[in-house]
Amino acid sequence: MKIAIIGTGNLGSSIAKGLIKNKSFTSLYLSDKNTAAVSAFSDEDYVTITSDNELAVKESEVLIFALQPRHIDKVLESVSESITNDHVVMSVAAGFEISRIESIIGDDKNIIRVMPNTAISIGKSMTCLSANVKGQEKMDLAKKIFNQLGATMVIPEEQIQAATVICASGIAFWMRLVRATTQGAIQLGFEAHEAHQLAVQTCFGSASLLTESGRHPEQEIDRVTTPSGCTIEGLNAMEHQGLSSALIQGIVASFEKINQLKKS
């Protein structure tokens, strides 16, 4: 599979790392006017670093546009004549709708919106996918690519904005919770590196329990919560301070912001 990533910022380079780690291509073009973020990949087999977007398009079958919304119009327009009906065009630009892509390259092209997160660099992303009518024919291909880099879910395009908040912004939300746990552990007497390990491994274990058991979080909470015990005391103190409410409000605030970006 011949893949090109157009735009190699944080997300583009994370996708590149995941693809390279899994050897998920026959050739990989990484194209950006500033290639510093991916220069380390220049010695990888079958990887080409370039600033020529049109070359990357012409030499590839799957085109992943990992650009900020304010840049994607111009870049799509510059390569539109080189995009054929055989290409699979994927966009990770937040708030940039399929209809806008169609208006530039045509609705007869295979277009798929992709919303991964930066955990894609280690093959642990939660990636949501949505396609136009033509692109539905290539959805299995998209799932094949991104299932190698984590898990995928096909959703209606109208849910992509919400998925961006839960999955992409969600990485930052979970990192903040891990940081808070680390700070709490330090306050209880652990060294910083010890606190970090305790917090990270416990977070990983919690997610793994839910993934492997299929149980609801409350079922797992019940298994470690005893009457008049320290766990329920801590949980209640957190809820009195608004833990769940604050997290939900943050998610909603992010969703409102991304919808503002969509209108701009």
Protein backbone atom coordinates (compact mmCIF):
# COMPACT_ATOMS: atom_id res chain seq x y z
CA MET A 1 0.00 0.00 0.00
CA LYS A 2 1.41 3.35 -1.06
CA ILE A 3 0.63 5.99 1.56
CA ALA A 4 1.32 9.72 1.74
CA ILE A 5 0.95 11.91 4.80
CA ILE A 6 0.52 15.55 3.86
CA GLY A 7 1.35 17.61 6.94
CA THR A 8 3.77 16.26 9.52
CA GLY A 9 2.98 18.20 12.68
CA ASN A 10 2.17 16.46 15.96
CA LEU A 11 -0.64 14.28 14.61
CA GLY A 12 0.89 13.66 11.18
CA SER A 13 4.20 12.60 12.67
CA SER A 14 2.37 10.40 15.21
CA ILE A 15 0.57 8.61 12.38
CA ALA A 16 3.90 8.22 10.58
CA LYS A 17 5.49 6.68 13.68
CA GLY A 18 2.65 4.20 14.00
CA LEU A 19 2.78 3.20 10.33
CA ILE A 20 6.56 2.80 10.42
CA LYS A 21 6.44 0.79 13.62
CA ASN A 22 3.92 -1.61 12.07
CA LYS A 23 5.46 -1.58 8.56
CA SER A 24 1.97 -0.85 7.25
CA PHE A 25 2.97 0.26 3.75
CA THR A 26 4.97 -0.53 0.63
CA SER A 27 5.99 3.12 0.38
CA LEU A 28 5.43 6.12 2.62
CA TYR A 29 5.78 9.76 1.58
CA LEU A 30 5.96 12.35 4.35
CA SER A 31 5.36 15.79 2.90
CA ASP A 32 5.54 19.17 4.60
CA LYS A 33 7.15 22.55 3.98
CA ASN A 34 8.88 21.96 7.31
CA THR A 35 10.09 18.37 7.54
CA ALA A 36 12.00 18.74 10.80
CA ALA A 37 9.48 16.68 12.80
CA VAL A 38 10.00 13.63 10.57
CA SER A 39 13.63 14.04 9.54
CA ALA A 40 14.55 11.14 11.83
CA PHE A 41 12.61 8.83 9.50
CA SER A 42 14.76 9.64 6.48
CA ASP A 43 16.83 6.47 6.94
CA GLU A 44 13.79 4.20 7.19
CA ASP A 45 13.25 1.78 4.31
CA TYR A 46 10.67 2.86 1.74
CA VAL A 47 10.12 6.24 3.45
CA THR A 48 10.57 9.45 1.45
CA ILE A 49 10.75 12.88 3.10
CA THR A 50 9.71 15.70 0.80
CA SER A 51 8.26 19.20 0.64
CA ASP A 52 6.61 18.45 -2.72
CA ASN A 53 2.96 17.67 -1.99
CA GLU A 54 2.13 16.98 -5.61
CA LEU A 55 4.91 14.40 -5.88
CA ALA A 56 3.65 12.68 -2.74
CA VAL A 57 0.13 12.55 -4.18
CA LYS A 58 1.20 11.20 -7.55
CA GLU A 59 3.34 8.47 -5.98
CA SER A 60 0.70 7.26 -3.51
CA GLU A 61 -2.69 5.55 -3.33
CA VAL A 62 -3.83 6.61 0.15
CA LEU A 63 -3.54 10.32 0.97
CA ILE A 64 -3.73 11.34 4.63
CA PHE A 65 -4.10 15.11 4.99
CA ALA A 66 -2.95 15.81 8.56
CA LEU A 67 -3.32 19.57 8.37
CA GLN A 68 -4.83 22.29 10.50
CA PRO A 69 -8.24 23.41 9.22
CA ARG A 70 -6.94 26.83 8.17
CA HIS A 71 -4.38 25.25 5.84
CA ILE A 72 -6.23 22.35 4.26
CA ASP A 73 -8.20 24.40 1.68
CA LYS A 74 -5.08 25.79 0.08
CA VAL A 75 -3.22 22.48 0.07
CA LEU A 76 -6.14 20.52 -1.37
CA GLU A 77 -6.56 23.12 -4.10
CA SER A 78 -2.86 22.92 -4.98
CA VAL A 79 -2.99 19.14 -5.55
CA SER A 80 -6.61 18.68 -6.65
CA GLU A 81 -5.74 18.07 -10.30
CA SER A 82 -3.44 15.20 -9.30
CA ILE A 83 -6.10 13.44 -7.19
CA THR A 84 -7.84 10.71 -9.16
CA ASN A 85 -10.85 8.48 -8.57
CA ASP A 86 -8.44 5.72 -7.53
CA HIS A 87 -7.03 7.70 -4.62
CA VAL A 88 -8.38 7.33 -1.10
CA VAL A 89 -8.40 10.80 0.45
CA MET A 90 -8.36 10.92 4.25
CA SER A 91 -8.56 14.08 6.34
CA VAL A 92 -7.82 14.48 10.05
CA ALA A 93 -8.56 18.23 10.05
CA ALA A 94 -10.90 19.03 12.95
CA GLY A 95 -14.14 20.66 11.88
CA PHE A 96 -13.42 20.35 8.16
CA GLU A 97 -16.48 18.66 6.70
CA ILE A 98 -16.56 16.14 3.88
CA SER A 99 -18.76 18.50 1.85
CA ARG A 100 -15.97 21.11 1.91
CA ILE A 101 -13.46 18.55 0.66
CA GLU A 102 -15.90 17.50 -2.06
CA SER A 103 -16.29 21.12 -3.15
CA ILE A 104 -12.54 21.23 -3.84
CA ILE A 105 -11.72 17.80 -5.29
CA GLY A 106 -15.19 16.56 -6.34
CA ASP A 107 -17.82 14.30 -4.81
CA ASP A 108 -16.75 11.46 -7.11
CA LYS A 109 -13.62 10.91 -5.00
CA ASN A 110 -13.16 8.46 -2.12
CA ILE A 111 -13.20 10.75 0.93
CA ILE A 112 -12.91 9.60 4.54
CA ARG A 113 -12.71 11.76 7.65
CA VAL A 114 -10.40 10.24 10.23
CA MET A 115 -10.20 11.25 13.87
CA PRO A 116 -7.36 9.46 15.69
CA ASN A 117 -5.41 10.61 18.71
CA THR A 118 -1.69 10.89 19.38
CA ALA A 119 -1.59 7.40 20.90
CA ILE A 120 -1.55 6.28 17.27
CA SER A 121 2.24 6.64 17.46
CA ILE A 122 2.37 3.56 19.71
CA GLY A 123 -0.50 1.66 18.09
CA LYS A 124 -3.04 2.50 20.81
CA SER A 125 -5.28 5.10 19.16
CA MET A 126 -9.06 5.19 19.27
CA THR A 127 -9.80 6.26 15.70
CA CYS A 128 -13.24 7.25 14.41
CA LEU A 129 -14.05 7.08 10.69
CA SER A 130 -16.74 8.58 8.49
CA ALA A 131 -16.99 8.62 4.69
CA ASN A 132 -18.86 10.19 1.81
CA VAL A 133 -21.00 7.97 -0.44
CA LYS A 134 -18.09 7.06 -2.73
CA GLY A 135 -15.71 6.61 0.18
CA GLN A 136 -17.89 3.94 1.77
CA GLU A 137 -16.39 1.56 -0.78
CA LYS A 138 -12.97 2.09 0.83
CA MET A 139 -14.03 1.93 4.47
CA ASP A 140 -12.69 -1.60 4.92
CA LEU A 141 -9.32 -0.37 3.69
CA ALA A 142 -9.37 2.52 6.16
CA LYS A 143 -10.24 0.16 9.02
CA LYS A 144 -7.46 -2.18 7.98
CA ILE A 145 -4.93 0.67 8.14
CA PHE A 146 -6.05 2.14 11.45
CA ASN A 147 -6.86 -1.13 13.23
CA GLN A 148 -3.13 -1.81 13.03
CA LEU A 149 -2.69 1.43 14.97
CA GLY A 150 -5.27 0.84 17.69
CA ALA A 151 -9.03 0.43 17.45
CA THR A 152 -11.55 1.94 15.02
CA MET A 153 -15.20 2.90 15.08
CA VAL A 154 -17.27 3.91 12.04
CA ILE A 155 -19.68 6.71 12.95
CA PRO A 156 -21.95 9.21 11.16
CA GLU A 157 -20.13 12.39 10.19
CA GLU A 158 -22.32 14.47 12.50
CA GLN A 159 -20.69 12.67 15.44
CA ILE A 160 -17.11 13.37 14.33
CA GLN A 161 -17.00 16.63 16.30
CA ALA A 162 -17.98 14.87 19.50
CA ALA A 163 -15.51 12.05 18.79
CA THR A 164 -12.76 14.65 18.41
CA VAL A 165 -13.43 15.85 21.95
CA ILE A 166 -13.69 12.38 23.50
CA CYS A 167 -10.80 10.73 21.67
CA ALA A 168 -8.36 13.45 20.59
CA SER A 169 -8.84 16.07 23.32
CA GLY A 170 -9.53 13.15 25.64
CA ILE A 171 -5.84 12.26 25.65
CA ALA A 172 -5.13 15.58 27.36
CA PHE A 173 -8.01 15.09 29.82
CA TRP A 174 -6.68 11.69 30.90
CA MET A 175 -3.13 13.03 31.11
CA ARG A 176 -4.34 15.72 33.51
CA LEU A 177 -6.03 13.08 35.68
CA VAL A 178 -2.84 11.03 35.75
CA ARG A 179 -0.87 14.14 36.67
CA ALA A 180 -3.26 14.92 39.53
CA THR A 181 -2.92 11.36 40.82
CA THR A 182 0.86 11.69 40.64
CA GLN A 183 0.75 14.93 42.62
CA GLY A 184 -1.44 13.26 45.23
CA ALA A 185 1.02 10.39 45.55
CA ILE A 186 3.89 12.83 46.06
CA GLN A 187 1.92 14.57 48.80
CA LEU A 188 1.52 11.18 50.48
CA GLY A 189 5.28 10.70 50.56
CA PHE A 190 6.36 9.02 47.33
CA GLU A 191 9.27 10.27 45.24
CA ALA A 192 8.22 11.88 41.96
CA HIS A 193 9.37 8.96 39.77
CA GLU A 194 7.66 6.48 42.09
CA ALA A 195 4.43 8.51 42.07
CA HIS A 196 4.51 8.68 38.27
CA GLN A 197 4.89 4.91 37.93
CA LEU A 198 2.14 4.23 40.44
CA ALA A 199 -0.28 6.57 38.69
CA VAL A 200 0.48 5.45 35.12
CA GLN A 201 0.35 1.72 35.81
CA THR A 202 -2.86 2.03 37.83
CA CYS A 203 -4.46 4.03 35.00
CA PHE A 204 -3.32 1.40 32.49
CA GLY A 205 -4.63 -1.38 34.70
CA SER A 206 -8.00 0.31 35.08
CA ALA A 207 -8.45 0.69 31.32
CA SER A 208 -7.27 -2.89 30.75
CA LEU A 209 -9.78 -4.24 33.26
CA LEU A 210 -12.64 -2.54 31.46
CA THR A 211 -11.40 -3.63 28.03
CA GLU A 212 -10.88 -7.26 28.92
CA SER A 213 -13.84 -7.75 31.26
CA GLY A 214 -16.41 -5.71 29.33
CA ARG A 215 -17.81 -4.55 32.65
CA HIS A 216 -19.20 -1.10 33.47
CA PRO A 217 -16.86 1.15 35.50
CA GLU A 218 -19.26 1.10 38.45
CA GLN A 219 -19.00 -2.69 38.62
CA GLU A 220 -15.22 -2.41 38.98
CA ILE A 221 -15.63 0.40 41.52
CA ASP A 222 -17.91 -1.83 43.59
CA ARG A 223 -15.21 -4.52 43.67
CA VAL A 224 -12.79 -2.21 45.52
CA THR A 225 -15.29 -0.24 47.59
CA THR A 226 -16.09 -1.60 51.05
CA PRO A 227 -18.57 -0.21 53.59
CA SER A 228 -17.04 2.64 55.62
CA GLY A 229 -13.77 2.09 53.78
CA CYS A 230 -11.12 4.47 52.47
CA THR A 231 -12.14 4.10 48.80
CA ILE A 232 -15.71 5.32 49.26
CA GLU A 233 -14.43 8.09 51.53
CA GLY A 234 -12.12 9.29 48.76
CA LEU A 235 -14.72 8.92 46.01
CA ASN A 236 -17.29 10.90 47.94
CA ALA A 237 -14.79 13.65 48.72
CA MET A 238 -13.94 13.91 45.01
CA GLU A 239 -17.60 14.05 44.01
CA HIS A 240 -18.32 16.70 46.65
CA GLN A 241 -15.59 18.77 44.97
CA GLY A 242 -17.26 18.20 41.60
CA LEU A 243 -14.95 15.69 39.90
CA SER A 244 -17.50 14.14 37.53
CA SER A 245 -19.27 17.44 36.98
CA ALA A 246 -16.02 19.24 36.16
CA LEU A 247 -14.99 16.57 33.67
CA ILE A 248 -18.36 16.60 31.93
CA GLN A 249 -18.35 20.42 31.82
CA GLY A 250 -14.88 20.33 30.30
CA ILE A 251 -15.99 17.89 27.61
CA VAL A 252 -19.00 20.06 26.78
CA ALA A 253 -16.85 23.22 26.70
CA SER A 254 -14.46 21.56 24.24
CA PHE A 255 -17.41 20.47 22.10
CA GLU A 256 -18.80 24.00 22.02
CA LYS A 257 -15.37 25.34 21.02
CA ILE A 258 -14.91 22.87 18.18
CA ASN A 259 -18.33 23.78 16.85
CA GLN A 260 -17.25 27.44 16.82
CA LEU A 261 -14.20 26.42 14.76
CA LYS A 262 -16.50 24.59 12.37
CA LYS A 263 -18.45 27.79 11.69
CA SER A 264 -15.35 29.93 11.12
